[in-house]
Amino acid sequence: MRLFNISPAKSVLEEVFSQVMSSSVITSDERQRIGSLLSGGSLDDDEYAIINRLVYHVRRGWVKFVE
């Protein structure tokens, strides 16, 4: 039996992505959580893909920044 190891960073990003997509807004707390993961510098391709999808939605205007 093989167990899948999901990184803590991916769990955080999936949680943030889910919250942002359901509310169509990204809060300063969520931005800080993403920023702290980026500053850690040890993200894999899947984690960068989640961040890129968030950026894409912001650029298209589907997600707004709120304080």
Protein backbone atom coordinates (compact mmCIF):
# COMPACT_ATOMS: atom_id res chain seq x y z
CA MET A 1 0.00 0.00 0.00
CA ARG A 2 1.41 3.36 -1.03
CA LEU A 3 0.60 6.48 0.94
CA PHE A 4 0.62 9.86 -0.75
CA ASN A 5 2.60 12.57 0.96
CA ILE A 6 0.95 15.97 0.54
CA SER A 7 3.16 18.87 1.54
CA PRO A 8 1.91 21.41 4.08
CA ALA A 9 2.42 24.15 1.48
CA LYS A 10 0.12 22.39 -0.98
CA SER A 11 -2.54 21.97 1.70
CA VAL A 12 -2.39 25.69 2.49
CA LEU A 13 -2.54 26.64 -1.19
CA GLU A 14 -5.47 24.33 -1.86
CA GLU A 15 -7.32 25.80 1.12
CA VAL A 16 -6.62 29.38 0.00
CA PHE A 17 -7.57 28.56 -3.60
CA SER A 18 -10.85 27.04 -2.47
CA GLN A 19 -11.72 30.05 -0.30
CA VAL A 20 -10.80 32.54 -3.02
CA MET A 21 -12.73 30.74 -5.75
CA SER A 22 -15.84 30.44 -3.58
CA SER A 23 -15.82 34.11 -2.55
CA SER A 24 -14.24 35.74 -5.66
CA VAL A 25 -12.07 37.89 -3.39
CA ILE A 26 -8.59 37.52 -1.96
CA THR A 27 -7.95 39.03 1.45
CA SER A 28 -4.72 40.47 2.80
CA ASP A 29 -4.39 37.45 5.10
CA GLU A 30 -4.59 35.08 2.14
CA ARG A 31 -2.03 37.17 0.23
CA GLN A 32 0.30 37.02 3.23
CA ARG A 33 -0.07 33.24 3.45
CA ILE A 34 0.84 32.89 -0.23
CA GLY A 35 3.73 35.34 0.16
CA SER A 36 5.19 33.43 3.08
CA LEU A 37 5.08 30.21 1.04
CA LEU A 38 6.78 31.92 -1.89
CA SER A 39 9.51 33.34 0.33
CA GLY A 40 10.22 29.82 1.61
CA GLY A 41 11.27 28.94 -1.92
CA SER A 42 10.66 25.19 -1.81
CA LEU A 43 7.49 24.84 -3.85
CA ASP A 44 6.94 22.17 -6.47
CA ASP A 45 5.36 22.54 -9.90
CA ASP A 46 1.84 21.74 -8.65
CA GLU A 47 2.07 24.43 -5.99
CA TYR A 48 3.29 27.01 -8.51
CA ALA A 49 0.41 26.00 -10.78
CA ILE A 50 -2.11 26.81 -8.03
CA ILE A 51 -0.54 30.24 -7.53
CA ASN A 52 -0.52 30.85 -11.30
CA ARG A 53 -4.23 30.01 -11.48
CA LEU A 54 -4.94 32.52 -8.73
CA VAL A 55 -2.93 35.20 -10.55
CA TYR A 56 -4.75 34.39 -13.80
CA HIS A 57 -8.14 34.84 -12.13
CA VAL A 58 -7.04 38.17 -10.63
CA ARG A 59 -5.73 39.40 -13.99
CA ARG A 60 -8.99 38.47 -15.71
CA GLY A 61 -10.94 40.39 -13.08
CA TRP A 62 -12.71 37.32 -11.75
CA VAL A 63 -11.10 37.75 -8.32
CA LYS A 64 -10.74 41.09 -6.53
CA PHE A 65 -8.36 42.20 -3.80
CA VAL A 66 -9.95 43.32 -0.52
CA GLU A 67 -8.40 44.62 2.69
